Amino acid sequence: MRSNKKLNPNPNPKPHSILTLSFLILTIVLLVIIILVVSSLTSPRLRLPEHGSVPALFLKCTVGVDKFLWYAPHSGFSNQLSELKNALLFAAILNRTLVVPPVLDHHAVALGSCSKFRVLSPPDLRLRVWDYVLDLIRHGRYISMADIIDLSSVSTMVRTVDFSYFISLWCGIDLGSVCSDDSDTPSTLSDRLKQCGLHLSGVNSNSDKCSYAVDVDCRTTVWTYQQNVSDMTLDSYQPDEQLQMKRKISFVRHRKDVLKHLGPGSEAHLSSVLAFGSLFTRPYKGSQSYIDIRKSPSDKRIQPLLNTIEFLPFVPEIKNAGKKFAETKIGTSFLCAQVRLLDGQFKNHWEATFSGLKQKVDDVKLTNPLPVHVFVMTDLHRSNWNGTYLDVLANDASSFKVHVLDNEDEIVKLIASKLAASRGTKLIHCPRNEPDLRLYIEETICSCASLGFVRTAGSTIAENIELMRKNSFC
């Protein structure tokens, strides 16, 4: 008691002393809150917990400073790259952290056809992607799009987080325990993954503020942003009567402003996670199949991003590998021939593809010393070239020197090993297989071809190579 009296000689402090103390405490609390908010808003990449200390936000969803956007990539790599660009754009417009997905194997997940109004529903697409991503993790084949595409140019414009980190964060799951086959995975973990996947895929969502599933797709919607037209106007492309009768459909396509429908003031804006299906779009009959945002002159944040994402390069490791092959394996000026023959529509156009290649090769042959060096990038294995124009090129040694890249090439194996070791998420402790990087290195090699580039008509791979050449990537 004596010590208490010395410490507090005035047991009844005056009112102004209490007010002063309260003011100081309130000021300190406000300063701490401001510092935390500013730090979160200005950080280009979300700060995530270390391995083994992951909270289960899925079980106790809380709305915080960071809101997420994820989507379901599909089809080939070029389509997935196109979707990544659109996802970066949407994340910036809606001020959300983008969940960057892994690279999916070629056509492991297919969308369908927007022009025929026959596509997977967004919930089904998301669920298939979810299952496939878990399979990539289990078998040590997970590699992020950010391990292939250099996102440093957009790091100050859009916040990003890798899909594997997001799974750990949202589902509260140690990814090290997912490394086994389904038969060896504990039932509680399998149930947890299944429930989390169902929730994030749009099943049982939209009932709370945890996640909001965007379940419109290219059959009914064309997303726009700040266009000088009324929202919800009809798009110029609609299914004609013949298609409606044949497919027994009654879809009507409307143009919707993404910010008005999914931004502040909307139900979607309240959710912690905004889940899209496909974010792929293509020009079609004077319109776009799903997204029509090509400029934003009135938004000083978005227009620079649109300019930047037009070309997103490969990471330096892949660029350097392609340049090294061109310099050391070819070692002179060369022509690149991108010959796609086996996939989808291309298998029906061999004659036109080879005719265009022959014409270009003959033109180059007339104006350059022989033999003309030709780098061939094709999905037709060399053992099956017999009887094709590729076989003619390969056997005319006096006129042509043909170069190809395969997965056993020392450059490919070396860069795959380095990339697996230096990049990739630290949360995945599964035994890792070296990634297949041949396509990306081939595209880089073609960007270095000083004698020209012969493309396959309609190929999105060719479009990416032409962008690389336009931007002097090599």
Protein backbone atom coordinates (compact mmCIF):
# COMPACT_ATOMS: atom_id res chain seq x y z
CA MET A 1 0.00 0.00 0.00
CA ARG A 2 2.82 2.42 0.80
CA SER A 3 4.42 1.88 -2.57
CA ASN A 4 1.09 2.49 -4.29
CA LYS A 5 0.74 5.85 -2.57
CA LYS A 6 4.17 6.92 -3.74
CA LEU A 7 3.47 5.88 -7.29
CA ASN A 8 0.09 7.55 -7.33
CA PRO A 9 0.05 10.49 -4.94
CA ASN A 10 -3.12 11.81 -6.57
CA PRO A 11 -5.70 9.01 -6.55
CA ASN A 12 -8.31 11.31 -8.06
CA PRO A 13 -6.72 12.85 -11.17
CA LYS A 14 -8.27 15.91 -12.71
CA PRO A 15 -10.56 15.48 -15.75
CA HIS A 16 -8.15 17.28 -18.11
CA SER A 17 -5.43 14.70 -17.30
CA ILE A 18 -7.73 11.84 -18.33
CA LEU A 19 -8.62 13.66 -21.56
CA THR A 20 -4.95 14.23 -22.39
CA LEU A 21 -4.09 10.55 -21.82
CA SER A 22 -7.06 9.39 -23.91
CA PHE A 23 -6.09 11.71 -26.73
CA LEU A 24 -2.52 10.37 -26.77
CA ILE A 25 -3.69 6.73 -26.87
CA LEU A 26 -6.17 7.47 -29.66
CA THR A 27 -3.49 9.29 -31.67
CA ILE A 28 -1.07 6.37 -31.36
CA VAL A 29 -3.74 3.84 -32.44
CA LEU A 30 -4.69 5.95 -35.48
CA LEU A 31 -1.06 6.32 -36.53
CA VAL A 32 -0.54 2.56 -36.34
CA ILE A 33 -3.66 1.94 -38.45
CA ILE A 34 -2.60 4.51 -41.06
CA ILE A 35 0.89 3.01 -41.34
CA LEU A 36 -0.52 -0.51 -41.81
CA VAL A 37 -3.04 0.59 -44.45
CA VAL A 38 -0.53 2.65 -46.44
CA SER A 39 1.99 -0.19 -46.32
CA SER A 40 -0.56 -2.65 -47.69
CA LEU A 41 -1.73 -0.33 -50.43
CA THR A 42 1.72 0.59 -51.67
CA SER A 43 3.22 -2.91 -51.55
CA PRO A 44 3.22 -4.44 -55.05
CA ARG A 45 3.25 -7.97 -53.65
CA LEU A 46 1.28 -9.34 -50.75
CA ARG A 47 3.31 -10.29 -47.66
CA LEU A 48 2.46 -13.90 -46.89
CA PRO A 49 3.11 -16.18 -43.92
CA GLU A 50 6.03 -18.58 -43.84
CA HIS A 51 5.68 -22.33 -44.35
CA GLY A 52 3.89 -23.98 -41.44
CA SER A 53 2.10 -20.88 -40.13
CA VAL A 54 -0.81 -20.44 -42.50
CA PRO A 55 -4.17 -19.17 -41.18
CA ALA A 56 -7.38 -20.76 -42.40
CA LEU A 57 -9.13 -17.76 -43.90
CA PHE A 58 -11.52 -20.10 -45.69
CA LEU A 59 -12.96 -21.19 -42.34
CA LYS A 60 -13.20 -17.69 -40.85
CA CYS A 61 -13.35 -15.31 -43.78
CA THR A 62 -12.51 -11.75 -42.86
CA VAL A 63 -12.68 -8.77 -45.17
CA GLY A 64 -9.35 -6.94 -44.98
CA VAL A 65 -7.35 -4.47 -46.98
CA ASP A 66 -6.44 -7.03 -49.64
CA LYS A 67 -9.13 -8.41 -51.91
CA PHE A 68 -8.33 -11.13 -54.40
CA LEU A 69 -9.22 -11.96 -57.99
CA TRP A 70 -8.70 -15.40 -59.50
CA TYR A 71 -9.70 -16.91 -62.81
CA ALA A 72 -9.60 -20.22 -64.68
CA PRO A 73 -6.94 -20.38 -67.42
CA HIS A 74 -7.34 -22.93 -70.20
CA SER A 75 -6.22 -24.17 -73.63
CA GLY A 76 -2.66 -23.60 -74.89
CA PHE A 77 0.06 -21.39 -73.43
CA SER A 78 -0.62 -18.44 -75.75
CA ASN A 79 -4.27 -18.39 -74.68
CA GLN A 80 -3.18 -18.58 -71.04
CA LEU A 81 -0.83 -15.63 -71.58
CA SER A 82 -3.67 -13.63 -73.13
CA GLU A 83 -5.84 -14.40 -70.11
CA LEU A 84 -3.06 -13.33 -67.74
CA LYS A 85 -2.93 -9.92 -69.45
CA ASN A 86 -6.69 -9.49 -69.10
CA ALA A 87 -6.54 -10.64 -65.48
CA LEU A 88 -3.89 -8.01 -64.68
CA LEU A 89 -6.14 -5.41 -66.28
CA PHE A 90 -9.24 -6.48 -64.32
CA ALA A 91 -7.30 -6.66 -61.05
CA ALA A 92 -6.08 -3.09 -61.56
CA ILE A 93 -9.51 -1.73 -62.48
CA LEU A 94 -11.14 -3.43 -59.48
CA ASN A 95 -8.20 -2.76 -57.12
CA ARG A 96 -7.73 -6.42 -56.23
CA THR A 97 -4.70 -8.65 -55.72
CA LEU A 98 -4.36 -10.97 -58.70
CA VAL A 99 -3.90 -14.67 -58.00
CA VAL A 100 -1.33 -15.71 -60.64
CA PRO A 101 -2.02 -19.29 -61.82
CA PRO A 102 0.46 -21.98 -62.83
CA VAL A 103 1.08 -22.95 -66.45
CA LEU A 104 -1.39 -25.65 -67.48
CA ASP A 105 -0.40 -28.34 -69.97
CA HIS A 106 -1.53 -27.74 -73.53
CA HIS A 107 -5.32 -28.18 -73.62
CA ALA A 108 -5.40 -29.92 -70.25
CA VAL A 109 -8.50 -27.81 -69.66
CA ALA A 110 -10.57 -26.70 -72.65
CA LEU A 111 -13.18 -23.92 -72.76
CA GLY A 112 -15.13 -24.78 -75.89
CA SER A 113 -16.25 -22.38 -78.62
CA CYS A 114 -17.58 -18.89 -77.94
CA SER A 115 -18.55 -18.41 -81.60
CA LYS A 116 -20.74 -21.51 -81.39
CA PHE A 117 -22.08 -20.52 -77.95
CA ARG A 118 -20.87 -23.86 -76.63
CA VAL A 119 -18.54 -23.41 -73.64
CA LEU A 120 -18.00 -24.84 -70.18
CA SER A 121 -19.85 -22.91 -67.49
CA PRO A 122 -17.60 -20.74 -65.27
CA PRO A 123 -18.15 -22.95 -62.15
CA ASP A 124 -17.26 -26.11 -64.09
CA LEU A 125 -14.21 -24.44 -65.62
CA ARG A 126 -12.98 -23.19 -62.25
CA LEU A 127 -13.45 -26.59 -60.64
CA ARG A 128 -11.52 -28.35 -63.42
CA VAL A 129 -8.67 -25.87 -63.10
CA TRP A 130 -8.65 -26.29 -59.31
CA ASP A 131 -8.38 -30.08 -59.61
CA TYR A 132 -5.67 -29.82 -62.25
CA VAL A 133 -3.59 -27.37 -60.21
CA LEU A 134 -3.66 -29.77 -57.25
CA ASP A 135 -2.54 -32.54 -59.59
CA LEU A 136 0.40 -30.40 -60.77
CA ILE A 137 1.41 -29.83 -57.14
CA ARG A 138 1.12 -33.53 -56.22
CA HIS A 139 3.36 -34.63 -59.07
CA GLY A 140 5.99 -31.92 -58.77
CA ARG A 141 5.02 -30.23 -62.03
CA TYR A 142 3.75 -26.91 -60.70
CA ILE A 143 5.39 -23.87 -62.30
CA SER A 144 3.87 -20.42 -62.01
CA MET A 145 3.14 -18.15 -64.96
CA ALA A 146 5.34 -15.67 -63.09
CA ASP A 147 8.23 -18.16 -63.41
CA ILE A 148 7.86 -17.98 -67.22
CA ILE A 149 6.61 -14.44 -67.85
CA ASP A 150 8.50 -11.45 -66.46
CA LEU A 151 5.95 -9.40 -64.47
CA SER A 152 8.42 -6.82 -63.15
CA SER A 153 7.09 -4.17 -65.55
CA VAL A 154 3.65 -4.29 -63.89
CA SER A 155 4.76 -4.83 -60.28
CA THR A 156 4.03 -1.20 -59.32
CA MET A 157 0.64 -1.23 -61.04
CA VAL A 158 -0.92 -4.49 -59.86
CA ARG A 159 -0.56 -6.51 -56.65
CA THR A 160 0.00 -10.22 -57.28
CA VAL A 161 0.24 -13.44 -55.30
CA ASP A 162 1.01 -16.93 -56.58
CA PHE A 163 -1.81 -19.47 -56.72
CA SER A 164 0.03 -21.93 -54.46
CA TYR A 165 0.47 -19.29 -51.75
CA PHE A 166 -3.17 -18.36 -52.14
CA ILE A 167 -4.29 -21.98 -51.63
CA SER A 168 -2.23 -22.15 -48.45
CA LEU A 169 -3.51 -18.81 -47.24
CA TRP A 170 -7.16 -19.32 -48.06
CA CYS A 171 -7.62 -23.01 -47.30
CA GLY A 172 -5.19 -23.13 -44.37
CA ILE A 173 -3.36 -26.10 -45.90
CA ASP A 174 0.30 -27.11 -45.70
CA LEU A 175 1.11 -27.86 -49.34
CA GLY A 176 3.82 -30.27 -48.25
CA SER A 177 1.06 -32.67 -47.24
CA VAL A 178 -0.46 -32.62 -50.75
CA CYS A 179 2.56 -34.23 -52.39
CA SER A 180 1.27 -37.80 -52.31
CA ASP A 181 -1.28 -39.54 -54.51
CA ASP A 182 -4.95 -39.26 -53.64
CA SER A 183 -4.89 -42.73 -52.06
CA ASP A 184 -2.22 -41.61 -49.56
CA THR A 185 -3.70 -38.21 -48.77
CA PRO A 186 -5.45 -38.12 -45.38
CA SER A 187 -9.23 -38.04 -45.74
CA THR A 188 -9.52 -34.88 -43.64
CA LEU A 189 -7.09 -33.09 -45.98
CA SER A 190 -8.89 -34.37 -49.08
CA ASP A 191 -12.22 -33.17 -47.67
CA ARG A 192 -10.72 -29.80 -46.81
CA LEU A 193 -9.28 -29.38 -50.33
CA LYS A 194 -12.56 -30.45 -51.89
CA GLN A 195 -14.64 -28.04 -49.80
CA CYS A 196 -12.22 -25.18 -50.40
CA GLY A 197 -12.21 -25.90 -54.14
CA LEU A 198 -16.00 -26.03 -54.29
CA HIS A 199 -16.23 -22.74 -52.45
CA LEU A 200 -13.70 -20.94 -54.63
CA SER A 201 -15.16 -22.48 -57.79
CA GLY A 202 -18.54 -20.90 -57.15
CA VAL A 203 -20.41 -23.77 -55.56
CA ASN A 204 -22.06 -22.56 -52.34
CA SER A 205 -20.54 -19.10 -52.77
CA ASN A 206 -22.23 -15.70 -53.16
CA SER A 207 -24.04 -16.52 -49.92
CA ASP A 208 -21.55 -14.59 -47.79
CA LYS A 209 -18.87 -11.96 -48.22
CA CYS A 210 -16.07 -14.50 -48.58
CA SER A 211 -16.25 -15.07 -52.32
CA TYR A 212 -18.28 -13.93 -55.28
CA ALA A 213 -18.49 -16.07 -58.42
CA VAL A 214 -18.78 -14.25 -61.74
CA ASP A 215 -20.88 -16.76 -63.62
CA VAL A 216 -21.50 -14.85 -66.86
CA ASP A 217 -19.40 -15.78 -69.87
CA CYS A 218 -18.91 -15.05 -73.56
CA ARG A 219 -22.39 -16.30 -74.42
CA THR A 220 -24.07 -13.38 -72.67
CA THR A 221 -21.45 -10.76 -71.85
CA VAL A 222 -18.79 -8.48 -73.35
CA TRP A 223 -16.89 -6.67 -70.59
CA THR A 224 -16.06 -3.00 -71.24
CA TYR A 225 -14.60 -0.09 -69.27
CA GLN A 226 -15.39 3.62 -69.49
CA GLN A 227 -16.86 3.55 -72.97
CA ASN A 228 -19.06 6.41 -74.06
CA VAL A 229 -22.12 4.21 -74.45
CA SER A 230 -24.90 3.22 -72.10
CA ASP A 231 -24.26 0.21 -69.91
CA MET A 232 -26.04 -3.03 -70.86
CA THR A 233 -26.39 -2.14 -74.55
CA LEU A 234 -26.65 -5.02 -76.99
CA ASP A 235 -23.38 -6.20 -78.52
CA SER A 236 -23.10 -6.10 -82.30
CA TYR A 237 -22.57 -9.87 -82.47
CA GLN A 238 -25.58 -12.03 -81.58
CA PRO A 239 -26.43 -15.64 -82.43
CA ASP A 240 -28.34 -15.76 -85.72
CA GLU A 241 -31.61 -17.62 -86.19
CA GLN A 242 -29.91 -20.63 -87.76
CA LEU A 243 -27.57 -21.02 -84.79
CA GLN A 244 -30.43 -20.51 -82.32
CA MET A 245 -32.45 -23.22 -84.03
CA LYS A 246 -29.51 -25.60 -84.39
CA ARG A 247 -28.22 -25.22 -80.85
CA LYS A 248 -31.62 -24.54 -79.27
CA ILE A 249 -30.23 -21.48 -77.53
CA SER A 250 -31.66 -18.07 -76.65
CA PHE A 251 -28.59 -16.16 -75.49
CA VAL A 252 -28.43 -12.37 -75.78
CA ARG A 253 -25.02 -10.67 -75.54
CA HIS A 254 -24.83 -7.40 -73.58
CA ARG A 255 -21.93 -5.00 -73.12
CA LYS A 256 -21.27 -4.43 -69.41
CA ASP A 257 -18.91 -2.02 -67.67
CA VAL A 258 -16.72 -4.13 -65.38
CA LEU A 259 -16.34 -1.41 -62.74
CA LYS A 260 -20.08 -0.67 -62.55
CA HIS A 261 -21.03 -4.32 -62.19
CA LEU A 262 -18.17 -5.61 -60.04
CA GLY A 263 -16.64 -2.52 -58.43
CA PRO A 264 -17.67 -0.22 -55.54
CA GLY A 265 -21.40 -0.24 -54.90
CA SER A 266 -21.89 -3.77 -56.23
CA GLU A 267 -22.49 -6.98 -54.31
CA ALA A 268 -19.29 -8.39 -55.79
CA HIS A 269 -17.20 -5.56 -54.36
CA LEU A 270 -17.95 -6.70 -50.79
CA SER A 271 -16.38 -10.13 -51.31
CA SER A 272 -12.84 -11.05 -50.33
CA VAL A 273 -12.40 -13.20 -53.44
CA LEU A 274 -13.79 -12.47 -56.90
CA ALA A 275 -13.78 -15.62 -59.05
CA PHE A 276 -13.97 -15.47 -62.84
CA GLY A 277 -14.13 -18.30 -65.32
CA SER A 278 -12.29 -17.73 -68.59
CA LEU A 279 -10.73 -14.33 -69.29
CA PHE A 280 -9.85 -15.13 -72.90
CA THR A 281 -11.10 -12.96 -75.72
CA ARG A 282 -10.68 -12.83 -79.49
CA PRO A 283 -11.91 -10.49 -82.24
CA TYR A 284 -15.00 -11.95 -83.84
CA LYS A 285 -17.28 -10.50 -86.52
CA GLY A 286 -16.59 -6.87 -85.70
CA SER A 287 -16.69 -7.35 -81.94
CA GLN A 288 -14.80 -9.17 -79.20
CA SER A 289 -15.79 -12.56 -77.89
CA TYR A 290 -15.68 -11.56 -74.20
CA ILE A 291 -13.56 -8.50 -73.29
CA ASP A 292 -13.40 -5.22 -75.20
CA ILE A 293 -11.06 -2.92 -73.26
CA ARG A 294 -8.40 -1.58 -75.59
CA LYS A 295 -7.97 1.97 -74.31
CA SER A 296 -8.82 4.08 -71.27
CA PRO A 297 -7.82 7.70 -71.94
CA SER A 298 -9.73 9.08 -68.94
CA ASP A 299 -8.10 6.75 -66.39
CA LYS A 300 -4.44 7.64 -65.86
CA ARG A 301 -3.88 4.38 -63.94
CA ILE A 302 -5.22 2.01 -66.55
CA GLN A 303 -3.93 3.42 -69.84
CA PRO A 304 -0.24 2.93 -68.91
CA LEU A 305 -1.07 -0.64 -67.84
CA LEU A 306 -2.79 -1.31 -71.18
CA ASN A 307 0.33 -0.10 -72.96
CA THR A 308 2.59 -2.28 -70.78
CA ILE A 309 0.66 -5.56 -70.97
CA GLU A 310 0.52 -5.45 -74.74
CA PHE A 311 3.90 -7.18 -74.56
CA LEU A 312 4.97 -9.16 -71.50
CA PRO A 313 8.37 -10.79 -72.13
CA PHE A 314 9.71 -14.11 -70.96
CA VAL A 315 11.90 -14.12 -67.86
CA PRO A 316 15.64 -13.40 -68.51
CA GLU A 317 16.64 -17.07 -68.12
CA ILE A 318 14.46 -18.08 -71.09
CA LYS A 319 15.49 -15.08 -73.18
CA ASN A 320 19.18 -15.81 -72.62
CA ALA A 321 18.73 -19.50 -73.50
CA GLY A 322 17.06 -18.64 -76.83
CA LYS A 323 19.74 -16.11 -77.71
CA LYS A 324 22.48 -18.58 -76.81
CA PHE A 325 21.02 -21.23 -79.13
CA ALA A 326 20.77 -18.71 -81.99
CA GLU A 327 24.36 -17.54 -81.45
CA THR A 328 26.10 -20.85 -80.77
CA LYS A 329 24.01 -23.54 -82.49
CA ILE A 330 22.98 -21.59 -85.61
CA GLY A 331 25.68 -18.96 -85.55
CA THR A 332 24.55 -16.94 -88.58
CA SER A 333 21.54 -15.18 -90.09
CA PHE A 334 18.56 -17.50 -90.34
CA LEU A 335 14.89 -17.81 -91.21
CA CYS A 336 12.34 -19.07 -88.65
CA ALA A 337 9.50 -21.31 -89.83
CA GLN A 338 6.68 -21.79 -87.35
CA VAL A 339 4.76 -24.77 -88.73
CA ARG A 340 1.73 -25.88 -86.72
CA LEU A 341 0.09 -28.99 -88.15
CA LEU A 342 -1.48 -31.28 -85.56
CA ASP A 343 -3.75 -29.20 -83.34
CA GLY A 344 -7.41 -28.32 -83.99
CA GLN A 345 -8.04 -26.48 -87.25
CA PHE A 346 -4.39 -26.71 -88.35
CA LYS A 347 -4.48 -30.43 -89.13
CA ASN A 348 -6.83 -29.67 -92.04
CA HIS A 349 -4.59 -27.05 -93.70
CA TRP A 350 -1.27 -28.79 -94.36
CA GLU A 351 -1.25 -27.88 -98.06
CA ALA A 352 -1.78 -24.15 -97.46
CA THR A 353 0.76 -24.11 -94.61
CA PHE A 354 3.49 -25.78 -96.66
CA SER A 355 2.69 -23.69 -99.74
CA GLY A 356 3.24 -20.46 -97.79
CA LEU A 357 6.47 -21.80 -96.29
CA LYS A 358 7.84 -22.86 -99.70
CA GLN A 359 7.14 -19.46 -101.23
CA LYS A 360 8.95 -17.64 -98.42
CA VAL A 361 11.90 -20.04 -98.47
CA ASP A 362 12.28 -19.65 -102.25
CA ASP A 363 12.30 -15.84 -101.90
CA VAL A 364 14.97 -15.94 -99.19
CA LYS A 365 17.02 -18.41 -101.22
CA LEU A 366 17.22 -15.97 -104.15
CA THR A 367 18.74 -13.13 -102.11
CA ASN A 368 21.04 -14.91 -99.65
CA PRO A 369 24.15 -17.09 -99.86
CA LEU A 370 23.60 -20.83 -99.70
CA PRO A 371 22.91 -22.82 -97.69
CA VAL A 372 20.09 -20.82 -96.11
CA HIS A 373 19.80 -21.61 -92.42
CA VAL A 374 16.21 -22.38 -91.34
CA PHE A 375 15.07 -22.89 -87.77
CA VAL A 376 11.94 -25.06 -87.78
CA MET A 377 9.47 -24.78 -84.91
CA THR A 378 6.78 -27.44 -85.35
CA ASP A 379 4.52 -29.82 -83.46
CA LEU A 380 5.25 -32.57 -86.02
CA HIS A 381 8.02 -34.82 -84.66
CA ARG A 382 11.02 -35.11 -86.97
CA SER A 383 10.49 -38.85 -87.33
CA ASN A 384 7.20 -38.02 -89.11
CA TRP A 385 8.56 -35.50 -91.62
CA ASN A 386 8.78 -38.10 -94.38
CA GLY A 387 6.73 -37.04 -97.41
CA THR A 388 6.31 -33.43 -96.26
CA TYR A 389 8.00 -30.22 -97.41
CA LEU A 390 9.97 -30.23 -94.13
CA ASP A 391 11.62 -33.45 -95.32
CA VAL A 392 12.48 -31.74 -98.62
CA LEU A 393 14.21 -28.91 -96.74
CA ALA A 394 16.10 -31.27 -94.45
CA ASN A 395 17.43 -33.37 -97.37
CA ASP A 396 18.49 -30.47 -99.63
CA ALA A 397 21.81 -29.94 -97.88
CA SER A 398 23.27 -27.81 -100.68
CA SER A 399 20.51 -25.20 -100.35
CA PHE A 400 19.38 -25.40 -96.73
CA LYS A 401 20.65 -26.10 -93.24
CA VAL A 402 17.74 -27.05 -90.96
CA HIS A 403 17.90 -26.51 -87.19
CA VAL A 404 15.47 -27.80 -84.56
CA LEU A 405 15.33 -27.72 -80.77
CA ASP A 406 14.42 -30.73 -78.67
CA ASN A 407 14.09 -31.36 -74.96
CA GLU A 408 17.37 -33.30 -74.87
CA ASP A 409 19.34 -30.30 -76.06
CA GLU A 410 21.93 -29.25 -73.49
CA ILE A 411 20.66 -25.65 -73.45
CA VAL A 412 17.09 -26.77 -72.69
CA LYS A 413 18.14 -29.15 -69.90
CA LEU A 414 20.45 -26.58 -68.31
CA ILE A 415 17.91 -23.76 -68.23
CA ALA A 416 15.17 -26.11 -66.98
CA SER A 417 17.39 -27.15 -64.09
CA LYS A 418 18.33 -23.56 -63.26
CA LEU A 419 14.74 -22.32 -63.46
CA ALA A 420 13.47 -25.10 -61.20
CA ALA A 421 16.14 -24.26 -58.63
CA SER A 422 15.98 -20.47 -58.70
CA ARG A 423 12.27 -19.88 -59.13
CA GLY A 424 9.06 -21.47 -57.95
CA THR A 425 7.11 -21.24 -54.73
CA LYS A 426 8.84 -22.08 -51.45
CA LEU A 427 5.63 -23.48 -50.00
CA ILE A 428 5.68 -26.54 -52.27
CA HIS A 429 8.07 -29.13 -50.89
CA CYS A 430 7.10 -31.93 -53.27
CA PRO A 431 9.89 -33.55 -55.36
CA ARG A 432 10.00 -31.35 -58.46
CA ASN A 433 10.28 -32.36 -62.09
CA GLU A 434 12.09 -30.07 -64.47
CA PRO A 435 9.63 -27.92 -66.46
CA ASP A 436 9.15 -28.25 -70.21
CA LEU A 437 10.54 -24.97 -71.55
CA ARG A 438 11.02 -25.85 -75.21
CA LEU A 439 8.08 -23.80 -76.54
CA TYR A 440 9.24 -20.61 -74.82
CA ILE A 441 12.84 -21.02 -75.96
CA GLU A 442 11.66 -21.75 -79.52
CA GLU A 443 9.62 -18.55 -79.55
CA THR A 444 12.67 -16.62 -78.36
CA ILE A 445 14.84 -18.18 -81.09
CA CYS A 446 12.27 -17.16 -83.71
CA SER A 447 12.33 -13.60 -82.40
CA CYS A 448 16.05 -13.57 -83.29
CA ALA A 449 15.58 -14.67 -86.93
CA SER A 450 17.10 -11.86 -89.04
CA LEU A 451 16.06 -13.38 -92.40
CA GLY A 452 12.39 -13.30 -91.47
CA PHE A 453 9.59 -15.27 -89.89
CA VAL A 454 7.08 -17.57 -91.58
CA ARG A 455 3.97 -18.06 -89.47
CA THR A 456 1.07 -20.49 -89.50
CA ALA A 457 -2.14 -18.58 -90.21
CA GLY A 458 -4.44 -18.38 -87.19
CA SER A 459 -1.83 -19.47 -84.66
CA THR A 460 -1.72 -17.56 -81.37
CA ILE A 461 1.86 -18.78 -80.94
CA ALA A 462 2.76 -16.89 -84.12
CA GLU A 463 1.07 -13.77 -82.77
CA ASN A 464 3.25 -13.85 -79.67
CA ILE A 465 6.41 -14.31 -81.75
CA GLU A 466 5.48 -11.33 -83.91
CA LEU A 467 4.97 -9.24 -80.77
CA MET A 468 8.43 -10.28 -79.59
CA ARG A 469 9.93 -9.31 -82.94
CA LYS A 470 8.07 -6.00 -82.96
CA ASN A 471 9.48 -5.19 -79.51
CA SER A 472 13.04 -6.29 -80.42
CA PHE A 473 13.02 -8.92 -77.68
CA CYS A 474 16.14 -10.60 -79.03
